[in-house]
């Protein structure tokens, strides 16, 4: 069984001109000719073309491909082992690239257009885009989500540093309050709850008291938010929820 240059071009997804070039440089010389002198490719030629295209896909120059295929010390198993090694290495590189692109996409969803070094400088080992996809699923159709996206898209590195500094300062003071045994319904706790609400309104979206109540409930009902606040001090999530509810009741009468 033999095939014309047009048939082989169709099989392999290359142009006839490419096959002519491979023949001209001795990389893939067809095993036969028709009575009219046209190229005819046999099964061995197709096997060699498959090897050529594989190495080309990996970025090897044609000269190196010829050296690899014409190495008298190599056998088909050696080629397969080499290809497996190269493919494995490429898959690892592509997986790393895909992960980097995925992180970049999450960051852009959050409007955090910072380099990895800048994100680490601002947020430390915390991932600011960790819940970006879920946030979009939960609140993507709301005005608050749209407003938050508009705001954070404009933030610079310095803006994020100021925002994070406020968060760190508030977290330290609230943790100390809980550690001191201050009640959630006391003025100190309610004042910090009010500061928490104003921080959200200033940096993300308008957060009226009813919405703040809903957030407080979520900080306890959602295990991840609960873990985030309890990591500041054990029991802080529940304490903050009660302070938010008490502050809302105080402010709205």
Protein backbone atom coordinates (compact mmCIF):
# COMPACT_ATOMS: atom_id res chain seq x y z
CA UNK A 1 0.00 0.00 0.00
CA UNK A 2 1.36 3.41 -0.93
CA UNK A 3 -0.06 6.91 -0.86
CA UNK A 4 0.25 10.05 -2.96
CA UNK A 5 1.71 13.26 -1.62
CA UNK A 6 -1.77 14.77 -1.52
CA UNK A 7 -3.16 11.88 0.49
CA UNK A 8 -0.31 12.02 3.01
CA UNK A 9 -0.70 15.77 3.36
CA UNK A 10 -4.36 15.20 4.21
CA UNK A 11 -3.57 12.43 6.70
CA UNK A 12 -0.93 14.44 8.53
CA UNK A 13 -2.48 17.88 8.38
CA UNK A 14 0.49 19.43 6.58
CA UNK A 15 0.83 21.05 3.18
CA UNK A 16 2.08 19.41 0.05
CA UNK A 17 4.78 22.07 -0.06
CA UNK A 18 5.99 20.92 3.37
CA UNK A 19 6.33 17.34 2.17
CA UNK A 20 8.18 18.51 -0.93
CA UNK A 21 10.56 20.47 1.31
CA UNK A 22 11.17 17.46 3.55
CA UNK A 23 12.02 15.44 0.45
CA UNK A 24 14.33 18.14 -0.94
CA UNK A 25 16.40 18.29 2.27
CA UNK A 26 16.48 14.50 2.68
CA UNK A 27 14.44 14.46 5.86
CA UNK A 28 11.57 12.41 4.40
CA UNK A 29 12.33 10.86 1.05
CA UNK A 30 9.32 8.84 -0.19
CA UNK A 31 9.97 5.14 -0.62
CA UNK A 32 8.68 4.97 -4.17
CA UNK A 33 7.63 6.75 -7.31
CA UNK A 34 4.74 6.23 -9.66
CA UNK A 35 5.27 5.43 -13.33
CA UNK A 36 4.82 9.13 -13.96
CA UNK A 37 7.51 9.98 -11.42
CA UNK A 38 5.16 11.19 -8.66
CA UNK A 39 6.05 10.61 -5.02
CA UNK A 40 4.54 7.55 -3.33
CA UNK A 41 4.74 7.09 0.45
CA UNK A 42 4.64 3.70 2.17
CA UNK A 43 3.90 2.75 5.82
CA UNK A 44 7.51 3.26 6.87
CA UNK A 45 7.41 6.77 5.40
CA UNK A 46 4.27 7.54 7.38
CA UNK A 47 5.93 6.30 10.57
CA UNK A 48 8.90 8.57 9.94
CA UNK A 49 6.62 11.53 9.19
CA UNK A 50 4.84 10.94 12.48
CA UNK A 51 8.19 11.12 14.29
CA UNK A 52 9.16 14.26 12.41
CA UNK A 53 5.93 16.04 13.26
CA UNK A 54 6.21 15.03 16.90
CA UNK A 55 9.67 16.55 17.27
CA UNK A 56 8.62 19.62 15.31
CA UNK A 57 5.69 20.09 17.69
CA UNK A 58 8.18 20.10 20.55
CA UNK A 59 10.14 22.86 18.82
CA UNK A 60 13.11 20.89 17.46
CA UNK A 61 14.83 22.40 14.39
CA UNK A 62 14.68 20.21 11.29
CA UNK A 63 18.44 19.62 11.45
CA UNK A 64 18.12 18.19 14.98
CA UNK A 65 15.14 16.09 13.95
CA UNK A 66 17.17 14.51 11.16
CA UNK A 67 20.01 13.76 13.59
CA UNK A 68 17.63 12.13 16.05
CA UNK A 69 15.88 9.97 13.46
CA UNK A 70 19.03 8.91 11.63
CA UNK A 71 21.00 8.03 14.77
CA UNK A 72 22.17 4.45 14.08
CA UNK A 73 22.37 3.74 17.81
CA UNK A 74 18.68 4.50 18.37
CA UNK A 75 15.87 2.02 18.08
CA UNK A 76 12.07 2.50 18.08
CA UNK A 77 11.91 1.89 21.83
CA UNK A 78 14.54 4.54 22.41
CA UNK A 79 12.47 7.02 20.40
CA UNK A 80 9.39 6.16 22.42
CA UNK A 81 11.24 6.63 25.70
CA UNK A 82 12.64 9.96 24.55
CA UNK A 83 9.21 11.11 23.39
CA UNK A 84 7.65 10.05 26.68
CA UNK A 85 10.25 12.02 28.63
CA UNK A 86 9.78 15.09 26.45
CA UNK A 87 6.00 14.89 26.65
CA UNK A 88 6.07 14.51 30.43
CA UNK A 89 8.32 17.54 30.77
CA UNK A 90 6.11 19.56 28.45
CA UNK A 91 2.94 18.56 30.32
CA UNK A 92 4.52 19.73 33.58
CA UNK A 93 5.44 23.08 32.01
CA UNK A 94 1.96 23.51 30.54
CA UNK A 95 0.33 22.64 33.86
CA UNK A 96 2.41 25.31 35.56
CA UNK A 97 1.50 27.80 32.83
CA UNK A 98 -2.19 26.90 33.15
CA UNK A 99 -2.04 27.38 36.91
CA UNK A 100 -0.39 30.78 36.47
CA UNK A 101 -3.04 31.85 33.94
CA UNK A 102 -5.81 30.60 36.25
CA UNK A 103 -4.44 32.65 39.14
CA UNK A 104 -4.18 35.69 36.87
CA UNK A 105 -7.82 35.23 35.81
CA UNK A 106 -8.95 35.00 39.43
CA UNK A 107 -6.95 38.08 40.31
CA UNK A 108 -8.51 40.03 37.46
CA UNK A 109 -11.97 38.95 38.61
CA UNK A 110 -11.14 40.56 41.93
CA UNK A 111 -9.56 43.57 40.25
CA UNK A 112 -6.23 42.71 41.83
CA UNK A 113 -3.96 43.58 38.93
CA UNK A 114 -0.70 43.08 40.80
CA UNK A 115 2.38 41.03 40.05
CA UNK A 116 2.92 37.92 42.19
CA UNK A 117 5.63 39.77 44.09
CA UNK A 118 3.31 42.72 44.75
CA UNK A 119 0.44 40.44 45.85
CA UNK A 120 2.75 38.73 48.32
CA UNK A 121 3.98 42.09 49.56
CA UNK A 122 0.42 43.31 50.14
CA UNK A 123 -1.40 40.16 51.28
CA UNK A 124 1.38 37.90 52.57
CA UNK A 125 0.47 34.24 52.23
CA UNK A 126 -3.26 34.96 52.00
CA UNK A 127 -4.93 34.50 48.61
CA UNK A 128 -7.21 37.50 47.90
CA UNK A 129 -8.80 35.73 44.94
CA UNK A 130 -9.54 32.50 46.79
CA UNK A 131 -13.31 32.94 46.78
CA UNK A 132 -13.62 35.00 43.61
CA UNK A 133 -15.53 32.41 41.60
CA UNK A 134 -17.91 31.60 44.43
CA UNK A 135 -18.49 35.29 45.10
CA UNK A 136 -19.43 35.76 41.45
CA UNK A 137 -21.81 32.79 41.61
CA UNK A 138 -23.46 34.03 44.81
CA UNK A 139 -23.68 37.74 44.15
CA UNK A 140 -22.68 38.25 40.51
CA UNK A 141 -26.09 39.65 39.57
CA UNK A 142 -26.33 42.14 42.42
CA UNK A 143 -25.66 45.86 42.34
CA UNK A 144 -23.30 45.47 45.29
CA UNK A 145 -21.13 42.97 43.41
CA UNK A 146 -21.02 45.20 40.32
CA UNK A 147 -20.11 48.22 42.45
CA UNK A 148 -17.37 46.26 44.21
CA UNK A 149 -15.92 45.18 40.86
CA UNK A 150 -15.95 48.76 39.57
CA UNK A 151 -14.15 50.04 42.63
CA UNK A 152 -11.44 47.42 43.01
CA UNK A 153 -10.65 47.55 39.29
CA UNK A 154 -9.29 51.05 39.89
CA UNK A 155 -7.17 50.22 42.93
CA UNK A 156 -3.41 50.57 42.73
CA UNK A 157 -0.82 48.71 44.75
CA UNK A 158 -0.81 51.57 47.27
CA UNK A 159 -4.59 51.40 47.57
CA UNK A 160 -4.42 47.68 48.34
CA UNK A 161 -1.70 48.30 50.91
CA UNK A 162 -3.84 50.91 52.67
CA UNK A 163 -6.86 48.61 52.57
CA UNK A 164 -4.89 45.69 53.99
CA UNK A 165 -3.34 47.90 56.68
CA UNK A 166 -6.84 48.86 57.83
CA UNK A 167 -7.84 45.19 57.94
CA UNK A 168 -4.75 44.22 59.93
CA UNK A 169 -5.23 47.09 62.39
CA UNK A 170 -8.91 46.28 62.94
CA UNK A 171 -8.16 42.56 63.30
CA UNK A 172 -5.57 43.23 65.97
CA UNK A 173 -7.87 45.47 67.98
CA UNK A 174 -10.85 43.11 67.72
CA UNK A 175 -8.75 40.11 68.71
CA UNK A 176 -7.51 42.00 71.76
CA UNK A 177 -11.08 42.92 72.66
CA UNK A 178 -12.22 39.28 72.53
CA UNK A 179 -9.14 38.14 74.47
CA UNK A 180 -9.96 40.70 77.18
CA UNK A 181 -13.43 39.22 77.58
CA UNK A 182 -15.31 42.29 76.38
CA UNK A 183 -18.97 41.46 75.66
CA UNK A 184 -20.25 41.52 72.09
CA UNK A 185 -23.03 43.87 73.18
CA UNK A 186 -20.66 46.34 74.80
CA UNK A 187 -19.87 49.74 73.31
CA UNK A 188 -16.29 48.80 72.40
CA UNK A 189 -17.38 45.74 70.39
CA UNK A 190 -20.26 47.57 68.72
CA UNK A 191 -17.94 50.44 67.77
CA UNK A 192 -15.59 47.99 66.09
CA UNK A 193 -18.53 46.35 64.34
CA UNK A 194 -19.52 49.76 63.02
CA UNK A 195 -15.94 50.31 61.86
CA UNK A 196 -16.13 46.95 60.06
CA UNK A 197 -19.31 48.05 58.24
CA UNK A 198 -17.82 51.40 57.25
CA UNK A 199 -14.69 49.70 55.92
CA UNK A 200 -16.85 47.62 53.57
CA UNK A 201 -18.79 50.70 52.48
CA UNK A 202 -15.62 52.70 51.90
CA UNK A 203 -13.70 50.10 49.93
CA UNK A 204 -16.24 47.77 48.27
CA UNK A 205 -19.93 48.71 48.23
CA UNK A 206 -22.54 50.50 50.30
CA UNK A 207 -23.29 48.22 53.26
CA UNK A 208 -26.47 49.25 55.11
CA UNK A 209 -27.24 47.68 58.47
CA UNK A 210 -29.57 45.01 57.13
CA UNK A 211 -26.88 43.80 54.76
CA UNK A 212 -24.33 43.93 57.57
CA UNK A 213 -26.61 41.68 59.63
CA UNK A 214 -26.65 39.17 56.76
CA UNK A 215 -22.87 39.24 56.56
CA UNK A 216 -22.62 38.65 60.29
CA UNK A 217 -24.81 35.56 60.02
CA UNK A 218 -22.71 34.29 57.11
CA UNK A 219 -19.50 34.66 59.12
CA UNK A 220 -20.84 31.96 61.43
CA UNK A 221 -22.85 29.75 59.04
CA UNK A 222 -20.13 29.48 56.38
CA UNK A 223 -17.34 27.32 57.77
CA UNK A 224 -14.65 29.06 55.74
CA UNK A 225 -15.57 32.54 56.93
CA UNK A 226 -15.88 31.18 60.46
CA UNK A 227 -12.41 29.64 60.20
CA UNK A 228 -11.02 32.93 58.84
CA UNK A 229 -12.29 34.99 61.79
CA UNK A 230 -11.69 32.32 64.42
CA UNK A 231 -8.08 32.14 63.27
CA UNK A 232 -7.68 35.68 64.63
CA UNK A 233 -8.91 34.48 68.03
CA UNK A 234 -11.03 31.46 69.00
CA UNK A 235 -14.71 32.39 69.06
CA UNK A 236 -14.20 35.68 67.24
CA UNK A 237 -16.63 34.85 64.41
CA UNK A 238 -19.58 34.33 66.77
CA UNK A 239 -18.55 37.35 68.85
CA UNK A 240 -18.40 39.55 65.73
CA UNK A 241 -21.79 38.35 64.55
CA UNK A 242 -23.36 39.30 67.89
CA UNK A 243 -21.60 42.67 67.85
CA UNK A 244 -22.86 43.34 64.32
CA UNK A 245 -26.44 42.52 65.33
CA UNK A 246 -26.19 44.63 68.48
CA UNK A 247 -24.69 47.57 66.59
CA UNK A 248 -27.37 47.39 63.90
CA UNK A 249 -30.08 47.39 66.58
CA UNK A 250 -28.41 50.33 68.34
CA UNK A 251 -28.06 52.38 65.15
CA UNK A 252 -31.50 51.68 63.70
CA UNK A 253 -33.43 51.92 66.95
